[in-house]
Protein backbone atom coordinates (compact mmCIF):
# COMPACT_ATOMS: atom_id res chain seq x y z
CA MET A 1 74.66 24.74 44.74
CA PRO A 2 75.85 26.64 47.88
CA SER A 3 78.32 24.54 49.87
CA SER A 4 77.27 25.76 53.30
CA THR A 5 74.49 27.48 55.20
CA ALA A 6 76.47 30.73 55.18
CA GLU A 7 76.90 30.54 51.40
CA LEU A 8 73.18 29.80 51.00
CA ILE A 9 72.34 32.90 53.06
CA LYS A 10 74.71 35.05 50.99
CA SER A 11 73.15 33.75 47.78
CA LYS A 12 69.74 34.97 48.99
CA LEU A 13 70.83 38.38 50.35
CA ASP A 14 72.33 41.01 48.06
CA ILE A 15 74.91 43.03 49.98
CA VAL A 16 73.95 46.29 48.26
CA ASP A 17 70.26 45.94 49.14
CA PHE A 18 71.19 44.90 52.68
CA LEU A 19 73.57 47.80 53.30
CA ARG A 20 70.95 50.31 52.11
CA GLY A 21 69.29 49.61 55.44
CA TYR A 22 72.39 50.98 57.19
CA LEU A 23 74.04 53.47 54.84
CA THR A 24 73.28 56.04 52.16
CA LEU A 25 74.72 54.51 48.99
CA THR A 26 75.58 56.36 45.78
CA PRO A 27 76.59 54.73 42.46
CA ALA A 28 80.31 54.79 41.57
CA GLY A 29 80.75 53.01 38.22
CA LYS A 30 80.11 49.31 38.73
CA ASN A 31 80.22 49.75 42.50
CA PHE A 32 78.58 51.87 45.19
CA LYS A 33 80.17 54.16 47.73
CA ALA A 34 79.23 55.53 51.16
CA LEU A 35 80.67 57.23 54.20
CA CYS A 36 82.40 54.55 56.25
CA PRO A 37 80.46 53.66 59.42
CA PHE A 38 83.63 52.47 61.14
CA HIS A 39 85.64 55.70 61.21
CA HIS A 40 85.11 59.44 60.82
CA GLU A 41 85.36 60.78 57.29
CA LYS A 42 83.94 63.61 55.18
CA SER A 43 84.52 62.08 51.75
CA PRO A 44 83.21 58.56 51.11
CA SER A 45 85.91 55.91 50.94
CA PHE A 46 83.66 52.93 51.71
CA SER A 47 83.12 50.88 48.53
CA ILE A 48 80.59 48.08 47.95
CA SER A 49 81.05 45.68 45.05
CA PRO A 50 77.84 43.97 43.79
CA GLU A 51 79.96 41.67 41.65
CA ARG A 52 82.16 40.44 44.49
CA GLN A 53 79.45 40.87 47.17
CA ARG A 54 82.01 42.51 49.42
CA PHE A 55 82.79 45.88 50.95
CA HIS A 56 86.11 47.62 51.44
CA CYS A 57 87.05 50.92 53.08
CA PHE A 58 90.10 52.63 51.59
CA GLY A 59 90.29 54.86 54.65
CA CYS A 60 90.46 52.45 57.59
CA GLY A 61 90.95 49.13 55.78
CA ALA A 62 87.69 47.51 56.92
CA ASP A 63 86.88 44.68 54.53
CA GLY A 64 84.54 41.73 54.29
CA ASP A 65 81.29 40.22 53.12
CA ILE A 66 77.76 40.63 54.48
CA PHE A 67 78.67 38.54 57.54
CA GLY A 68 81.75 40.65 58.25
CA PHE A 69 79.70 43.84 58.08
CA VAL A 70 77.02 42.59 60.46
CA MET A 71 79.57 41.26 62.94
CA LYS A 72 81.49 44.55 62.98
CA TYR A 73 78.53 46.94 62.88
CA GLU A 74 76.20 45.07 65.24
CA ASN A 75 78.90 43.85 67.68
CA MET A 76 78.09 40.20 67.02
CA GLU A 77 79.95 36.94 67.06
CA PHE A 78 79.62 34.80 63.93
CA GLY A 79 76.92 32.58 65.44
CA GLU A 80 74.75 35.57 66.27
CA ALA A 81 75.24 37.06 62.80
CA LEU A 82 74.37 33.70 61.25
CA ARG A 83 71.07 33.55 63.15
CA MET A 84 70.17 37.13 62.27
CA LEU A 85 70.92 36.78 58.55
CA ALA A 86 69.30 33.34 58.39
CA GLU A 87 66.10 34.83 59.75
CA LYS A 88 66.26 37.68 57.22
CA ALA A 89 66.96 35.30 54.34
CA GLY A 90 64.32 32.76 55.41
CA VAL A 91 66.91 30.01 55.79
CA GLU A 92 66.47 27.34 58.47
CA LEU A 93 69.61 26.59 60.47
CA ARG A 94 69.75 22.84 60.12
CA HIS A 95 72.60 22.37 62.56
CA GLU A 96 70.28 23.61 65.29
CA ASN A 97 67.30 21.74 66.64
CA PRO A 98 64.48 23.01 64.36
CA ALA A 99 61.95 22.78 67.20
CA GLU A 100 64.22 24.80 69.46
CA TYR A 101 64.85 27.36 66.72
CA ARG A 102 61.11 27.82 66.15
CA TYR A 103 60.53 28.01 69.90
CA THR A 104 63.01 30.87 70.20
CA GLY A 105 61.00 32.69 67.54
CA LEU A 106 57.84 32.05 69.56
CA LEU A 107 59.38 33.69 72.62
CA TYR A 108 60.24 36.75 70.55
CA ASP A 109 56.65 36.88 69.30
CA LEU A 110 55.18 36.60 72.81
CA ASN A 111 57.38 39.40 74.14
CA ALA A 112 56.48 41.59 71.16
CA SER A 113 52.77 40.93 71.76
CA ALA A 114 53.17 41.73 75.45
CA LYS A 115 54.97 44.97 74.60
CA ASN A 116 52.17 46.02 72.24
CA PHE A 117 49.57 45.16 74.90
CA TYR A 118 51.37 47.29 77.52
CA VAL A 119 51.85 50.22 75.10
CA LYS A 120 48.13 50.22 74.25
CA ALA A 121 47.23 50.04 77.96
CA LEU A 122 49.40 53.09 78.68
CA SER A 123 47.60 55.15 76.03
CA ALA A 124 44.39 54.65 78.02
CA ALA A 125 45.92 55.30 81.48
CA PRO A 126 46.07 59.08 82.16
CA ILE A 127 47.30 58.57 85.73
CA VAL A 128 50.33 56.65 84.49
CA LYS A 129 51.06 59.18 81.75
CA GLN A 130 50.87 61.92 84.39
CA TYR A 131 53.35 60.00 86.59
CA LEU A 132 55.82 59.66 83.70
CA ALA A 133 55.44 63.35 82.87
CA GLU A 134 56.13 64.23 86.52
CA ARG A 135 59.29 62.14 86.30
CA GLY A 136 60.36 64.31 83.37
CA LEU A 137 59.81 62.00 80.39
CA THR A 138 58.43 63.51 77.19
CA PRO A 139 55.82 61.74 75.03
CA ALA A 140 58.46 61.38 72.29
CA THR A 141 60.85 59.49 74.61
CA ILE A 142 58.02 57.30 75.91
CA GLU A 143 57.07 56.40 72.35
CA GLU A 144 60.63 55.88 71.12
CA PHE A 145 61.46 53.41 73.89
CA GLU A 146 58.00 51.80 73.84
CA LEU A 147 57.14 52.25 77.52
CA GLY A 148 53.90 50.67 78.63
CA TRP A 149 51.56 49.96 81.51
CA ALA A 150 50.65 46.67 83.22
CA ALA A 151 47.30 47.25 84.90
CA ASN A 152 46.87 46.20 88.52
CA GLU A 153 44.78 43.20 87.48
CA PRO A 154 45.69 39.57 88.15
CA GLU A 155 45.50 38.12 84.63
CA ASP A 156 45.01 40.86 82.03
CA LEU A 157 47.99 39.96 79.85
CA SER A 158 47.77 36.21 80.43
CA MET A 159 44.13 36.05 79.28
CA HIS A 160 44.86 38.30 76.30
CA LEU A 161 47.67 36.02 75.09
CA LEU A 162 45.83 32.79 75.89
CA ASN A 163 42.80 34.00 73.94
CA GLY A 164 45.17 34.75 71.09
CA GLY A 165 46.24 31.09 70.95
CA ALA A 166 49.30 31.05 73.20
CA ALA A 167 49.91 27.95 75.34
CA PRO A 168 50.11 28.38 79.15
CA GLN A 169 53.53 26.72 79.27
CA ASP A 170 54.88 29.18 76.71
CA LEU A 171 53.77 32.17 78.82
CA LEU A 172 55.56 30.69 81.81
CA GLN A 173 58.70 30.03 79.76
CA ALA A 174 58.65 33.58 78.41
CA GLY A 175 58.51 34.91 81.98
CA LEU A 176 55.29 36.82 81.33
CA SER A 177 53.13 34.71 83.66
CA ILE A 178 53.60 32.85 86.92
CA LYS A 179 51.75 29.85 88.34
CA THR A 180 50.44 29.85 91.91
CA GLU A 181 50.52 26.87 94.27
CA ARG A 182 46.89 26.25 93.30
CA GLY A 183 47.79 26.14 89.63
CA MET A 184 46.36 29.54 88.68
CA MET A 185 48.00 31.58 85.90
CA LEU A 186 48.74 35.15 86.98
CA ASP A 187 50.53 38.04 85.29
CA ARG A 188 54.08 38.52 86.52
CA PHE A 189 53.75 42.31 86.12
CA ARG A 190 50.83 44.09 87.76
CA GLY A 191 50.39 47.79 88.61
CA ARG A 192 53.70 48.64 86.97
CA VAL A 193 55.20 50.99 84.42
CA MET A 194 56.78 48.71 81.86
CA PHE A 195 60.24 49.23 80.35
CA PRO A 196 60.82 46.79 77.46
CA ILE A 197 64.37 45.47 77.19
CA HIS A 198 65.60 45.10 73.62
CA ASN A 199 68.46 43.00 72.33
CA HIS A 200 71.07 44.41 69.96
CA LEU A 201 68.68 43.94 67.01
CA GLY A 202 65.94 45.95 68.68
CA LYS A 203 63.78 42.91 69.49
CA VAL A 204 62.00 42.86 72.85
CA VAL A 205 63.36 40.01 74.98
CA GLY A 206 62.20 40.97 78.49
CA PHE A 207 60.90 43.70 80.75
CA THR A 208 61.54 45.72 83.85
CA GLY A 209 58.39 46.76 85.70
CA ARG A 210 58.44 49.74 88.10
CA ILE A 211 55.60 49.77 90.63
CA LEU A 212 53.34 52.80 90.33
CA PRO A 213 53.55 54.73 93.63
CA GLN A 214 49.81 54.25 94.28
CA PHE A 215 50.35 50.49 94.52
CA ASP A 216 53.63 50.56 96.47
CA THR A 217 53.16 48.82 99.85
CA SER A 218 56.83 48.80 100.88
CA ASN A 219 56.23 51.45 103.55
CA ASP A 220 52.83 50.19 104.70
CA PRO A 221 53.13 48.06 107.88
CA LYS A 222 49.50 46.90 107.48
CA ALA A 223 49.95 45.61 103.94
CA ALA A 224 49.18 41.94 103.34
CA TYR A 225 52.37 41.66 101.29
CA VAL A 226 55.26 43.94 100.43
CA THR A 227 55.71 44.90 96.80
CA ALA A 228 59.13 45.16 95.21
CA LYS A 229 59.80 48.53 93.59
CA TYR A 230 61.24 46.80 90.52
CA VAL A 231 60.44 43.39 89.03
CA ASN A 232 62.46 41.99 86.13
CA SER A 233 61.83 39.22 83.63
CA PRO A 234 63.55 35.97 84.59
CA GLU A 235 66.34 34.47 82.50
CA THR A 236 64.97 32.85 79.34
CA PRO A 237 66.48 31.35 76.18
CA ILE A 238 66.39 34.85 74.62
CA PHE A 239 67.14 37.00 77.69
CA GLN A 240 70.34 36.84 79.71
CA LYS A 241 70.62 39.84 82.03
CA SER A 242 74.38 39.50 82.37
CA ARG A 243 74.84 40.14 78.64
CA LEU A 244 72.25 42.79 77.75
CA LEU A 245 72.54 46.50 78.39
CA TYR A 246 69.42 48.63 78.43
CA GLY A 247 69.26 51.03 75.50
CA PHE A 248 72.37 49.66 73.78
CA TRP A 249 70.42 49.00 70.58
CA LYS A 250 69.67 52.73 70.39
CA SER A 251 72.98 54.18 71.58
CA ARG A 252 75.56 51.93 69.91
CA ASP A 253 76.07 54.21 66.90
CA ALA A 254 76.66 57.22 69.15
CA ILE A 255 79.08 55.14 71.26
CA ARG A 256 80.93 54.01 68.15
CA GLU A 257 81.20 57.60 66.92
CA VAL A 258 82.73 59.09 70.09
CA LYS A 259 84.46 55.90 71.33
CA THR A 260 83.02 56.55 74.80
CA ALA A 261 80.12 54.93 76.68
CA VAL A 262 78.33 56.64 79.56
CA LEU A 263 77.15 53.99 82.01
CA VAL A 264 74.22 54.71 84.36
CA GLU A 265 72.43 52.52 86.89
CA GLY A 266 68.82 52.21 85.74
CA GLN A 267 66.22 52.75 83.05
CA MET A 268 65.08 56.19 84.24
CA ASP A 269 68.68 57.41 84.44
CA PHE A 270 69.20 56.14 80.90
CA LEU A 271 66.05 57.67 79.47
CA MET A 272 66.55 61.07 81.08
CA SER A 273 70.21 61.16 80.01
CA TYR A 274 69.31 60.16 76.45
CA GLN A 275 66.50 62.71 76.40
CA SER A 276 68.96 65.37 77.59
CA GLY A 277 71.14 64.82 74.54
CA VAL A 278 73.71 62.35 75.91
CA ARG A 279 73.08 59.68 73.28
CA ASN A 280 76.10 57.46 74.03
CA VAL A 281 74.52 56.20 77.27
CA ILE A 282 73.78 52.64 78.44
CA ALA A 283 72.41 50.99 81.59
CA SER A 284 72.53 47.49 83.05
CA SER A 285 69.22 45.59 82.83
CA GLY A 286 68.08 44.69 86.32
CA THR A 287 71.46 43.28 87.39
CA ALA A 288 74.92 44.32 88.45
CA LEU A 289 77.49 45.24 85.81
CA THR A 290 79.30 42.20 84.41
CA ALA A 291 82.35 41.49 82.28
CA ASP A 292 80.03 40.30 79.48
CA HIS A 293 78.33 43.72 79.49
CA LEU A 294 81.67 45.46 79.09
CA ARG A 295 83.00 43.09 76.46
CA SER A 296 80.08 43.97 74.18
CA VAL A 297 80.83 47.69 74.61
CA ARG A 298 84.62 47.32 74.29
CA ARG A 299 84.28 46.55 70.59
CA LEU A 300 82.96 50.08 70.11
CA ALA A 301 84.47 52.22 72.87
CA ASP A 302 87.86 52.83 74.46
CA GLU A 303 86.51 54.80 77.40
CA VAL A 304 83.66 54.39 79.87
CA ILE A 305 82.25 57.17 82.05
CA LEU A 306 80.49 55.92 85.19
CA CYS A 307 77.48 57.97 86.33
CA PHE A 308 76.15 56.19 89.41
CA ASP A 309 73.98 57.43 92.27
CA SER A 310 75.63 60.02 94.49
CA ASP A 311 74.96 58.08 97.72
CA ILE A 312 77.33 55.62 99.42
CA ALA A 313 75.86 52.63 97.59
CA GLY A 314 76.38 54.36 94.26
CA SER A 315 79.95 55.29 95.16
CA ASP A 316 80.74 51.70 96.14
CA ALA A 317 79.12 50.43 92.93
CA ALA A 318 81.33 52.85 90.99
CA GLU A 319 84.43 51.36 92.63
CA ARG A 320 83.43 47.85 91.61
CA ALA A 321 82.69 49.05 88.09
CA ILE A 322 86.09 50.81 87.88
CA ASP A 323 87.90 47.56 88.72
CA LEU A 324 85.82 45.63 86.19
CA ALA A 325 86.23 48.23 83.44
CA GLU A 326 89.98 48.52 83.95
CA ALA A 327 90.27 44.73 83.83
CA ASN A 328 88.56 44.92 80.41
CA ASP A 329 91.09 47.49 79.15
CA PHE A 330 88.89 50.58 79.35
CA SER A 331 90.04 54.05 80.20
CA VAL A 332 87.72 54.97 83.09
CA LYS A 333 86.23 58.22 84.33
CA VAL A 334 83.63 58.95 86.99
CA ALA A 335 80.94 61.64 86.80
CA THR A 336 79.28 62.74 90.04
CA TYR A 337 76.01 64.67 90.22
CA ARG A 338 76.53 67.35 92.85
CA GLY A 339 73.32 68.19 94.67
CA PHE A 340 71.28 65.48 92.94
CA LYS A 341 70.69 61.83 93.75
CA ASP A 342 71.16 60.59 90.19
CA ALA A 343 71.08 61.44 86.51
CA ALA A 344 67.28 61.33 86.35
CA ASP A 345 66.87 63.95 89.08
CA ALA A 346 69.59 66.15 87.58
CA ALA A 347 68.05 65.96 84.10
CA LYS A 348 64.57 66.75 85.42
CA ALA A 349 65.90 69.93 87.04
CA ASP A 350 67.77 70.97 83.89
CA PRO A 351 68.90 68.78 80.95
CA GLU A 352 72.11 70.81 80.82
CA ASN A 353 73.07 69.24 84.18
CA VAL A 354 73.63 65.89 82.49
CA ARG A 355 75.79 67.26 79.68
CA THR A 356 77.96 69.38 81.98
CA THR A 357 78.36 66.60 84.56
CA VAL A 358 79.45 64.06 81.94
CA ALA A 359 81.87 66.60 80.44
CA ALA A 360 83.36 67.20 83.91
CA ALA A 361 83.99 63.50 84.62
CA VAL A 362 87.28 62.84 86.42
CA THR A 363 89.74 59.99 86.08
CA ALA A 364 89.47 57.04 88.45
CA PRO A 365 92.46 58.11 90.61
CA VAL A 366 90.99 61.58 91.10
CA PHE A 367 87.70 59.91 92.10
CA TYR A 368 89.60 57.93 94.75
CA PHE A 369 91.40 61.05 95.95
CA GLU A 370 88.09 62.85 96.39
CA LYS A 371 86.43 59.88 98.08
CA TYR A 372 89.14 58.82 100.53
CA LEU A 373 91.41 61.79 101.17
CA PRO A 374 90.56 64.77 103.42
CA PRO A 375 89.11 67.75 101.52
CA LEU A 376 91.61 70.51 100.85
CA ALA A 377 91.39 73.72 102.84
CA PRO A 378 90.58 76.84 100.77
CA GLY A 379 93.68 77.86 98.81
CA ALA A 380 95.66 74.78 99.85
CA THR A 381 97.27 72.47 97.27
CA SER A 382 97.87 69.55 99.66
CA SER A 383 96.56 68.02 102.85
CA ASP A 384 98.23 68.18 106.22
CA PRO A 385 100.40 65.02 106.36
CA ALA A 386 99.39 64.64 110.00
CA ALA A 387 95.91 63.66 108.75
CA PHE A 388 97.40 60.30 107.77
CA THR A 389 98.92 59.47 111.13
CA THR A 390 95.56 58.47 112.62
CA ARG A 391 94.27 54.93 112.18
CA GLU A 392 91.35 56.11 110.03
CA GLY A 393 93.43 58.48 107.90
CA LEU A 394 96.16 55.92 107.29
CA GLY A 395 93.59 53.27 106.40
CA LYS A 396 92.05 55.50 103.74
CA LEU A 397 95.46 56.41 102.35
CA ARG A 398 96.33 52.71 102.10
CA THR A 399 93.09 52.13 100.19
CA VAL A 400 94.11 54.74 97.63
CA LEU A 401 97.61 53.26 97.37
CA LEU A 402 96.19 49.81 96.67
CA LYS A 403 93.89 51.27 94.01
CA LEU A 404 96.84 52.94 92.30
CA ARG A 405 98.74 49.63 92.28
CA ASN A 406 95.94 48.20 90.11
CA ILE A 407 96.77 50.60 87.26
CA ALA A 408 98.28 48.41 84.55
CA SER A 409 100.57 51.01 82.99
CA PRO A 410 103.72 51.52 85.09
CA VAL A 411 104.22 55.00 83.64
CA GLU A 412 100.66 56.05 84.45
CA ARG A 413 100.99 54.44 87.87
CA ASP A 414 104.14 56.47 88.51
CA PHE A 415 102.39 59.68 87.42
CA TRP A 416 99.50 59.17 89.84
CA MET A 417 101.88 58.32 92.67
CA LYS A 418 103.53 61.70 92.11
CA GLU A 419 100.10 63.36 92.07
CA LEU A 420 99.22 61.60 95.33
CA ALA A 421 102.43 62.92 96.90
CA LYS A 422 101.44 66.47 95.89
CA ARG A 423 97.88 65.95 97.11
CA THR A 424 98.81 64.52 100.51
CA GLY A 425 102.05 66.32 101.25
CA VAL A 426 103.65 62.93 101.94
CA ASP A 427 107.00 62.12 100.33
CA GLU A 428 106.69 59.93 97.22
CA ALA A 429 109.25 57.39 98.43
CA THR A 430 107.35 57.07 101.71
CA LEU A 431 104.10 56.51 99.82
CA LYS A 432 105.66 53.79 97.69
CA ASP A 433 107.04 52.08 100.78
CA GLU A 434 103.62 52.24 102.44
CA GLY A 435 102.00 50.88 99.30
CA GLU A 436 104.39 47.92 99.13
CA LYS A 437 103.71 47.03 102.76
CA SER A 438 99.95 47.36 102.29
CA ALA A 439 100.06 45.12 99.23
CA ALA A 440 102.17 42.54 101.06
CA THR A 441 99.61 42.49 103.87
CA GLN A 442 96.68 42.24 101.47
CA TYR A 443 98.21 39.37 99.49
CA ALA A 444 99.68 37.52 102.47
CA ALA A 445 99.04 33.80 102.59
CA PRO A 446 95.96 32.92 104.70
CA THR A 447 96.52 31.64 108.21
CA PRO A 448 95.23 28.16 109.14
CA SER A 449 92.19 29.66 110.86
CA THR A 450 91.45 31.81 107.81
CA THR A 451 91.83 28.78 105.57
CA ASN A 452 89.32 26.87 107.65
CA ASN A 453 86.82 29.71 107.39
CA MET A 454 87.23 29.65 103.62
CA ALA A 455 86.43 25.96 103.30
CA GLY A 456 84.13 25.27 100.40
CA GLN A 457 84.89 28.57 98.67
CA ASP A 458 86.83 29.04 95.45
CA GLU A 459 90.33 30.29 96.18
CA GLN A 460 91.78 32.67 93.65
CA ALA A 461 95.26 34.09 93.86
CA PRO A 462 95.47 37.78 93.02
CA LYS A 463 96.30 38.26 89.37
CA ARG A 464 99.34 40.27 88.41
CA GLN A 465 98.30 43.06 86.07
CA VAL A 466 100.98 43.57 83.44
CA SER A 467 101.08 46.31 80.81
CA ARG A 468 102.36 45.78 77.29
CA GLN A 469 105.41 47.93 78.14
CA GLU A 470 106.24 45.64 81.07
CA LEU A 471 105.84 42.51 78.93
CA ILE A 472 108.16 43.85 76.23
CA ALA A 473 110.81 44.92 78.76
CA GLU A 474 110.66 41.50 80.44
CA ASP A 475 111.02 39.85 77.01
CA LEU A 476 114.23 41.82 76.46
CA PHE A 477 115.55 40.84 79.90
CA ALA A 478 114.85 37.18 79.12
CA ILE A 479 116.66 37.47 75.77
CA ALA A 480 119.65 39.11 77.46
CA LEU A 481 119.78 36.29 80.03
CA ALA A 482 119.56 33.64 77.31
CA ARG A 483 122.45 35.29 75.45
CA ASN A 484 124.33 36.20 78.62
CA ASP A 485 124.72 39.65 77.07
CA PHE A 486 123.09 42.80 78.46
CA ALA A 487 125.06 45.28 76.36
CA PHE A 488 122.71 44.95 73.39
CA ILE A 489 119.79 46.41 75.40
CA GLU A 490 121.73 49.31 76.92
CA ASP A 491 120.04 51.58 74.36
CA CYS A 492 116.65 50.65 75.85
CA VAL A 493 117.33 51.84 79.40
CA ALA A 494 115.73 55.23 78.73
CA PHE A 495 112.45 53.41 78.01
CA PHE A 496 112.47 51.36 81.23
CA THR A 497 110.47 52.25 84.32
CA PRO A 498 112.42 52.92 87.55
CA ALA A 499 111.66 49.39 88.74
CA GLN A 500 112.83 47.91 85.44
CA LYS A 501 116.05 49.89 85.64
CA GLU A 502 116.69 48.27 89.02
CA ILE A 503 115.98 44.82 87.57
CA PHE A 504 118.27 45.54 84.61
CA ALA A 505 121.14 46.56 86.90
CA LEU A 506 120.53 43.54 89.15
CA LEU A 507 120.57 41.02 86.30
CA LYS A 508 123.52 42.71 84.63
CA ARG A 509 125.53 42.23 87.85
CA GLY A 510 124.64 38.54 87.73
CA GLU A 511 122.49 38.78 90.86
CA ARG A 512 119.03 37.29 91.42
CA ARG A 513 118.00 38.82 94.76
CA SER A 514 117.40 42.32 96.07
CA ASP A 515 115.87 43.92 99.15
CA ASP A 516 112.53 44.29 97.37
CA ALA A 517 110.26 41.22 97.38
CA THR A 518 108.13 42.63 94.56
CA LEU A 519 111.15 43.03 92.26
CA ASP A 520 112.38 39.56 93.20
CA ALA A 521 109.05 38.04 92.17
CA ILE A 522 109.40 39.61 88.69
CA VAL A 523 113.05 38.51 88.44
CA ASN A 524 111.99 34.95 89.24
CA LEU A 525 109.45 35.02 86.41
CA ILE A 526 112.13 36.21 83.99
CA VAL A 527 114.74 33.69 85.13
CA LEU A 528 112.29 30.77 84.90
CA ARG A 529 111.40 31.45 81.28
CA ASP A 530 112.36 28.87 78.65
CA PRO A 531 115.60 30.26 77.07
CA THR A 532 115.27 28.30 73.81
CA ALA A 533 112.87 30.62 71.96
CA ALA A 534 114.71 33.75 73.14
CA SER A 535 118.12 32.49 71.99
CA GLU A 536 116.81 31.75 68.46
CA LEU A 537 115.62 35.32 67.77
CA SER A 538 117.42 37.19 64.97
CA ASP A 539 118.80 40.71 65.28
CA LYS A 540 115.90 41.86 63.09
CA ASP A 541 113.40 40.26 65.50
CA ILE A 542 115.06 42.01 68.44
CA ALA A 543 114.99 45.36 66.62
CA VAL A 544 111.22 44.95 66.19
CA ILE A 545 110.85 44.24 69.92
CA LYS A 546 112.91 47.32 70.79
CA ASP A 547 110.79 49.48 68.48
CA GLY A 548 107.70 48.14 70.24
CA LEU A 549 109.12 49.14 73.62
CA ALA A 550 109.82 52.68 72.40
CA ARG A 551 106.31 53.00 70.96
CA GLU A 552 104.74 51.87 74.23
CA TYR A 553 106.93 54.28 76.19
CA TYR A 554 105.97 57.26 74.03
CA LYS A 555 102.30 56.26 74.06
CA GLU A 556 102.29 56.12 77.85
CA ARG A 557 104.33 59.33 78.09
CA ARG A 558 101.85 61.18 75.89
CA LYS A 559 99.02 59.93 78.07
CA ILE A 560 100.79 61.03 81.24
CA LEU A 561 101.67 64.46 79.89
CA SER A 562 98.08 64.97 78.74
CA LEU A 563 96.95 64.18 82.27
CA ALA A 564 99.58 66.55 83.63
CA VAL A 565 98.29 69.33 81.38
CA ARG A 566 94.71 68.87 82.58
CA ASN A 567 95.74 68.70 86.24
CA ALA A 568 98.01 71.76 85.96
CA GLU A 569 95.18 73.70 84.30
CA ALA A 570 92.79 72.65 87.06
CA ARG A 571 95.26 73.80 89.75
CA GLY A 572 96.23 76.95 87.86
CA ASN A 573 99.92 75.97 88.00
CA GLN A 574 101.38 77.78 84.97
CA SER A 575 104.96 76.48 85.33
CA GLU A 576 103.83 72.83 85.44
CA LEU A 577 101.51 73.47 82.49
CA GLU A 578 104.27 74.99 80.35
CA ALA A 579 106.73 72.22 81.22
CA ALA A 580 104.23 69.49 80.32
CA LEU A 581 103.26 71.18 77.05
CA ALA A 582 106.92 71.69 76.13
CA GLU A 583 107.77 68.01 76.65
CA LEU A 584 104.59 66.91 74.89
CA SER A 585 105.52 68.94 71.80
CA LYS A 586 108.94 67.25 71.63
CA LEU A 587 107.68 63.66 71.72
CA PRO A 588 107.84 61.70 68.45
CA GLY A 589 104.51 61.94 66.61
CA GLY A 590 102.55 59.30 64.82
CA GLU A 591 100.73 56.25 66.02
CA ALA A 592 102.11 54.83 69.24
């Protein structure tokens, strides 16, 4: 007798039969083998054991049962995997409210019925099909993503579902209908092209409706009411906009394969990018980008490329997305469509525009340089430093400096500060001094009048972003303080950043204060650490910590030199290119 719901589910689902829905399996003795879906390989090293009901990859080490596979492949937490596999196995989750569990299934059914109704309506609406064709969508894309049409009638869908046995309250809860002040049931979506929103399993959980231009009254001053260009399903028990990304159910395998996600702003941008061959694309579903969106992608990708509208609003949205993505440990690039408003327009003109624009994406610092710094004169490699003596020029330079301070890696931060010095013609030391003063001003304590204006608002102190290299170095400083011995970390000095070298010298002299408030703040954090744990570490433990510091240093150095190579190639600077390549070739290899 299975001891738990999970065991009951596993007893009803054979892992071999289940994985055939994901992989091409071939017999290998008592077991089966396949190409591993979790890393690139040409020869199959992914083994499935019917006897043990487990899988194991001899290439990347992935291992687990049917739950482990679903969680890893589908990007799910255990609870989500449990619900999915319970549904497939026909097992009722007794720890949940059975009525609530069945009601969730009802909402899925209603959304699926609505999707089918809209798809059928589109097949009989030549004007709508013509509009989609004019936007550049092919019939194959329309079919693959199940686009539909909500006729400009007050209760088409509502009556269809009610006649099919649905209860009025269920239609309201599903977000498909609305109730007027007089108690009438009306369709939420009318006169709109319908974009179904699927969850990670491919089930329809909501919709975005785009008004057909013929019914758009936003520019008609005589209209009885103004229509919104886009209308989205409300939040429901199965649809949370802050967690779902449009198209993710289709693009996740491509994202996993290349470890990069291309993020666009809307459904049309997604569809036209996907249709153009950029299959690792995603879009937010009728809401701003959130940390939950990025956390779901982070399990598959290390890098995100932002492709937002080329106007000011799109540029500002890209800045917010950069901050959010960097906070979620992504490497970030920005792709800008020159001469086009967005990805959809660029793809309509020529699908190659999307591929070349994504391939030409620049790093976040370069994006800031291009946005805030004066354009370079033809043939020039730097700006006129006088451009930053005006109030406007200095303000923009300070903005860039503050953005660079947000880079977690001190080595990468130092590299981009050097690049900024080259780009602006301003001495690096002067830039650092300006950056410190700007940061001090930004993070200054609020005045009484400011505090009064902030009454009732949540106050959050700015978070210190710390890289792994910084944490390891600070651990070593704390150990040296606890032992009152700095000689044993002398061999680590080469792996310290310039700021850490100053801190090391300061602490070694027995001092606790400098002329730099930023350094003093870090020193205070080190000094205030509990010395007990540090003093109990063995020499073997310390050797492991030192090795970690060296690995982080070389990892960051490789990253910086790779950036230097790309930048030198872009500027045509052969001497810089050769120097960077020479140092890169001398760095220790292997995993950093």
